Amino acid sequence: MGTNYYTVKRGFEDLEPGDFWDRMRAALDDPENDDILHIGKSSGGWCFSLHIIPDRGITDITKWVPYLLDKDRVIINEYCETITYEKMLETITNRMRPDPCTWTPEKYHQNYAEPGPNNLVRHSVGRGCVRHGEGTWDYVEGNFS
């Protein structure tokens, strides 16, 4: 389980939940539509899965900054809660777990994972993970939730 984050054009956050999700699905299925962009997913104990979208030129964390700071956009989570830029950046870059992961090598292998920084688990490169981030995030491509 985890939480997905999006940047949306202003006005989307005011929609009723049913309308919001209908519009979101339509926007996410249309590569030309930038009304809603999936930032990534936060899962407890894991490095943040930062979504890269090469077709839009979003290939690393720095390329997300203009979208996250755009005054015509809002950052929200999948529960339609508004998130500040500072909180989003903190969620991506300042992750940790108090105790080391006790997974066996087999468990890491089954989850396409490996030990990461700050006692976190991180995605192994491949199967969507393009590369590891410079901190507590991984660059993940494709459609995921």
C-alpha atoms as a PDB file:
ATOM      1  CA  MET A   1       0.000   0.000   0.000  1.00  0.00           C
ATOM      2  CA  GLY A   2       1.117   3.522  -0.624  1.00  0.00           C
ATOM      3  CA  THR A   3       0.013   6.981  -1.635  1.00  0.00           C
ATOM      4  CA  ASN A   4       0.080   8.398  -5.161  1.00  0.00           C
ATOM      5  CA  TYR A   5       0.772  12.083  -5.798  1.00  0.00           C
ATOM      6  CA  TYR A   6      -0.273  14.254  -8.735  1.00  0.00           C
ATOM      7  CA  THR A   7       0.124  17.777  -9.996  1.00  0.00           C
ATOM      8  CA  VAL A   8      -3.137  19.082 -11.443  1.00  0.00           C
ATOM      9  CA  LYS A   9      -4.264  22.270 -13.109  1.00  0.00           C
ATOM     10  CA  ARG A  10      -6.136  24.556 -10.729  1.00  0.00           C
ATOM     11  CA  GLY A  11      -9.841  23.786 -10.554  1.00  0.00           C
ATOM     12  CA  PHE A  12      -9.418  20.004 -10.582  1.00  0.00           C
ATOM     13  CA  GLU A  13      -9.049  19.970  -6.814  1.00  0.00           C
ATOM     14  CA  ASP A  14     -12.550  21.481  -6.519  1.00  0.00           C
ATOM     15  CA  LEU A  15     -14.288  18.682  -8.431  1.00  0.00           C
ATOM     16  CA  GLU A  16     -16.460  16.116  -6.681  1.00  0.00           C
ATOM     17  CA  PRO A  17     -14.529  12.855  -6.132  1.00  0.00           C
ATOM     18  CA  GLY A  18     -16.399  10.912  -8.850  1.00  0.00           C
ATOM     19  CA  ASP A  19     -15.914  13.680 -11.418  1.00  0.00           C
ATOM     20  CA  PHE A  20     -12.308  14.126 -10.328  1.00  0.00           C
ATOM     21  CA  TRP A  21     -11.443  10.455 -10.893  1.00  0.00           C
ATOM     22  CA  ASP A  22     -13.291  10.349 -14.244  1.00  0.00           C
ATOM     23  CA  ARG A  23     -11.345  13.394 -15.446  1.00  0.00           C
ATOM     24  CA  MET A  24      -8.126  12.019 -14.002  1.00  0.00           C
ATOM     25  CA  ARG A  25      -8.425   8.677 -15.801  1.00  0.00           C
ATOM     26  CA  ALA A  26      -9.150  10.460 -19.082  1.00  0.00           C
ATOM     27  CA  ALA A  27      -6.197  12.829 -18.638  1.00  0.00           C
ATOM     28  CA  LEU A  28      -3.755  10.089 -17.645  1.00  0.00           C
ATOM     29  CA  ASP A  29      -4.773   8.023 -20.692  1.00  0.00           C
ATOM     30  CA  ASP A  30      -4.065  10.942 -23.050  1.00  0.00           C
ATOM     31  CA  PRO A  31      -0.316  11.537 -23.514  1.00  0.00           C
ATOM     32  CA  GLU A  32      -1.017  15.040 -24.905  1.00  0.00           C
ATOM     33  CA  ASN A  33      -3.024  16.101 -21.841  1.00  0.00           C
ATOM     34  CA  ASP A  34      -1.093  17.721 -19.000  1.00  0.00           C
ATOM     35  CA  ASP A  35      -4.113  18.618 -16.839  1.00  0.00           C
ATOM     36  CA  ILE A  36      -3.024  15.869 -14.449  1.00  0.00           C
ATOM     37  CA  LEU A  37       0.489  14.454 -14.144  1.00  0.00           C
ATOM     38  CA  HIS A  38       1.424  11.576 -11.859  1.00  0.00           C
ATOM     39  CA  ILE A  39       4.400  12.601  -9.702  1.00  0.00           C
ATOM     40  CA  GLY A  40       4.951   9.249  -8.076  1.00  0.00           C
ATOM     41  CA  LYS A  41       4.180   6.953  -5.204  1.00  0.00           C
ATOM     42  CA  SER A  42       5.209   6.864  -1.570  1.00  0.00           C
ATOM     43  CA  SER A  43       5.216   3.421   0.025  1.00  0.00           C
ATOM     44  CA  GLY A  44       6.223   2.875   3.639  1.00  0.00           C
ATOM     45  CA  GLY A  45       9.772   1.616   4.018  1.00  0.00           C
ATOM     46  CA  TRP A  46      10.615   2.142   0.344  1.00  0.00           C
ATOM     47  CA  CYS A  47      12.435   4.842  -1.590  1.00  0.00           C
ATOM     48  CA  PHE A  48       9.924   7.159  -3.282  1.00  0.00           C
ATOM     49  CA  SER A  49       8.947   5.995  -6.786  1.00  0.00           C
ATOM     50  CA  LEU A  50       9.454   9.221  -8.751  1.00  0.00           C
ATOM     51  CA  HIS A  51       7.617   8.951 -12.053  1.00  0.00           C
ATOM     52  CA  ILE A  52       9.658  10.034 -15.043  1.00  0.00           C
ATOM     53  CA  ILE A  53       7.857  10.954 -18.248  1.00  0.00           C
ATOM     54  CA  PRO A  54      10.497  11.231 -20.996  1.00  0.00           C
ATOM     55  CA  ASP A  55       7.930  12.257 -23.642  1.00  0.00           C
ATOM     56  CA  ARG A  56       7.348  15.421 -21.578  1.00  0.00           C
ATOM     57  CA  GLY A  57      11.043  15.940 -20.798  1.00  0.00           C
ATOM     58  CA  ILE A  58      10.551  14.916 -17.153  1.00  0.00           C
ATOM     59  CA  THR A  59      13.613  12.740 -16.711  1.00  0.00           C
ATOM     60  CA  ASP A  60      14.793  13.591 -13.194  1.00  0.00           C
ATOM     61  CA  ILE A  61      13.768  15.380 -10.025  1.00  0.00           C
ATOM     62  CA  THR A  62      14.901  18.793 -11.288  1.00  0.00           C
ATOM     63  CA  LYS A  63      12.566  18.532 -14.282  1.00  0.00           C
ATOM     64  CA  TRP A  64       9.601  18.142 -11.890  1.00  0.00           C
ATOM     65  CA  VAL A  65      10.293  21.446 -10.119  1.00  0.00           C
ATOM     66  CA  PRO A  66       8.621  23.748 -12.707  1.00  0.00           C
ATOM     67  CA  TYR A  67       5.440  21.644 -12.539  1.00  0.00           C
ATOM     68  CA  LEU A  68       5.503  21.562  -8.741  1.00  0.00           C
ATOM     69  CA  LEU A  69       6.014  25.319  -8.441  1.00  0.00           C
ATOM     70  CA  ASP A  70       3.644  26.343 -11.252  1.00  0.00           C
ATOM     71  CA  LYS A  71       1.115  28.834  -9.838  1.00  0.00           C
ATOM     72  CA  ASP A  72      -1.526  27.416 -12.198  1.00  0.00           C
ATOM     73  CA  ARG A  73      -1.142  23.921 -10.720  1.00  0.00           C
ATOM     74  CA  VAL A  74      -1.810  22.246  -7.376  1.00  0.00           C
ATOM     75  CA  ILE A  75      -0.123  19.184  -5.843  1.00  0.00           C
ATOM     76  CA  ILE A  76      -2.590  16.635  -4.481  1.00  0.00           C
ATOM     77  CA  ASN A  77      -2.517  13.073  -3.236  1.00  0.00           C
ATOM     78  CA  GLU A  78      -4.885  10.296  -4.247  1.00  0.00           C
ATOM     79  CA  TYR A  79      -7.217  11.318  -1.407  1.00  0.00           C
ATOM     80  CA  CYS A  80      -7.629  14.763  -3.022  1.00  0.00           C
ATOM     81  CA  GLU A  81      -5.676  16.445  -0.220  1.00  0.00           C
ATOM     82  CA  THR A  82      -3.625  19.470  -1.247  1.00  0.00           C
ATOM     83  CA  ILE A  83       0.109  19.119  -0.600  1.00  0.00           C
ATOM     84  CA  THR A  84       2.580  22.012  -0.407  1.00  0.00           C
ATOM     85  CA  TYR A  85       5.693  22.032  -2.557  1.00  0.00           C
ATOM     86  CA  GLU A  86       7.815  21.790   0.602  1.00  0.00           C
ATOM     87  CA  LYS A  87       5.887  18.765   1.881  1.00  0.00           C
ATOM     88  CA  MET A  88       6.091  17.047  -1.521  1.00  0.00           C
ATOM     89  CA  LEU A  89       9.834  17.608  -1.705  1.00  0.00           C
ATOM     90  CA  GLU A  90      10.211  16.310   1.863  1.00  0.00           C
ATOM     91  CA  THR A  91       8.182  13.198   0.987  1.00  0.00           C
ATOM     92  CA  ILE A  92      10.507  12.475  -1.923  1.00  0.00           C
ATOM     93  CA  THR A  93      13.918  13.452  -0.551  1.00  0.00           C
ATOM     94  CA  ASN A  94      13.859  12.917   3.200  1.00  0.00           C
ATOM     95  CA  ARG A  95      12.734   9.351   3.724  1.00  0.00           C
ATOM     96  CA  MET A  96      13.878   6.855   6.319  1.00  0.00           C
ATOM     97  CA  ARG A  97      12.795   3.948   8.414  1.00  0.00           C
ATOM     98  CA  PRO A  98      13.903   3.551  12.014  1.00  0.00           C
ATOM     99  CA  ASP A  99      15.164  -0.022  11.787  1.00  0.00           C
ATOM    100  CA  PRO A 100      17.009  -1.889   9.056  1.00  0.00           C
ATOM    101  CA  CYS A 101      14.960  -4.054   6.758  1.00  0.00           C
ATOM    102  CA  THR A 102      15.257  -7.722   7.727  1.00  0.00           C
ATOM    103  CA  TRP A 103      14.330  -9.180   4.350  1.00  0.00           C
ATOM    104  CA  THR A 104      16.190 -12.235   3.154  1.00  0.00           C
ATOM    105  CA  PRO A 105      17.967 -12.143  -0.207  1.00  0.00           C
ATOM    106  CA  GLU A 106      15.081 -14.207  -1.584  1.00  0.00           C
ATOM    107  CA  LYS A 107      12.521 -11.639  -0.388  1.00  0.00           C
ATOM    108  CA  TYR A 108      14.487  -8.811  -2.035  1.00  0.00           C
ATOM    109  CA  HIS A 109      14.629 -10.855  -5.241  1.00  0.00           C
ATOM    110  CA  GLN A 110      10.870 -11.617  -5.141  1.00  0.00           C
ATOM    111  CA  ASN A 111      10.113  -7.906  -4.771  1.00  0.00           C
ATOM    112  CA  TYR A 112      12.635  -6.751  -7.408  1.00  0.00           C
ATOM    113  CA  ALA A 113      14.310  -4.768  -4.659  1.00  0.00           C
ATOM    114  CA  GLU A 114      17.596  -4.167  -2.907  1.00  0.00           C
ATOM    115  CA  PRO A 115      18.758  -2.397   0.244  1.00  0.00           C
ATOM    116  CA  GLY A 116      18.611   1.376  -0.042  1.00  0.00           C
ATOM    117  CA  PRO A 117      19.681   4.440   1.931  1.00  0.00           C
ATOM    118  CA  ASN A 118      18.406   5.225   5.446  1.00  0.00           C
ATOM    119  CA  ASN A 119      17.273   1.628   6.078  1.00  0.00           C
ATOM    120  CA  LEU A 120      14.883   1.843   3.103  1.00  0.00           C
ATOM    121  CA  VAL A 121      14.208  -0.736   0.426  1.00  0.00           C
ATOM    122  CA  ARG A 122      14.779   0.479  -3.104  1.00  0.00           C
ATOM    123  CA  HIS A 123      13.703  -0.831  -6.491  1.00  0.00           C
ATOM    124  CA  SER A 124      16.222  -2.843  -8.445  1.00  0.00           C
ATOM    125  CA  VAL A 125      16.962  -1.296 -11.808  1.00  0.00           C
ATOM    126  CA  GLY A 126      14.769  -2.973 -14.421  1.00  0.00           C
ATOM    127  CA  ARG A 127      11.028  -3.745 -14.496  1.00  0.00           C
ATOM    128  CA  GLY A 128      10.131  -0.044 -14.567  1.00  0.00           C
ATOM    129  CA  CYS A 129      12.918   1.357 -12.411  1.00  0.00           C
ATOM    130  CA  VAL A 130      15.205   3.193 -14.816  1.00  0.00           C
ATOM    131  CA  ARG A 131      17.823   4.221 -12.253  1.00  0.00           C
ATOM    132  CA  HIS A 132      18.308   5.088  -8.628  1.00  0.00           C
ATOM    133  CA  GLY A 133      17.934   8.675  -7.540  1.00  0.00           C
ATOM    134  CA  GLU A 134      20.645  10.700  -5.893  1.00  0.00           C
ATOM    135  CA  GLY A 135      18.861  10.299  -2.549  1.00  0.00           C
ATOM    136  CA  THR A 136      15.806   8.520  -1.200  1.00  0.00           C
ATOM    137  CA  TRP A 137      13.996   8.135  -4.512  1.00  0.00           C
ATOM    138  CA  ASP A 138      14.082   5.924  -7.580  1.00  0.00           C
ATOM    139  CA  TYR A 139      13.248   6.968 -11.127  1.00  0.00           C
ATOM    140  CA  VAL A 140      10.363   4.840 -12.367  1.00  0.00           C
ATOM    141  CA  GLU A 141       8.891   4.896 -15.866  1.00  0.00           C
ATOM    142  CA  GLY A 142       5.588   3.665 -17.210  1.00  0.00           C
ATOM    143  CA  ASN A 143       2.061   3.369 -15.926  1.00  0.00           C
ATOM    144  CA  PHE A 144       1.956   2.494 -12.250  1.00  0.00           C
ATOM    145  CA  SER A 145      -0.162   3.212  -9.208  1.00  0.00           C
END
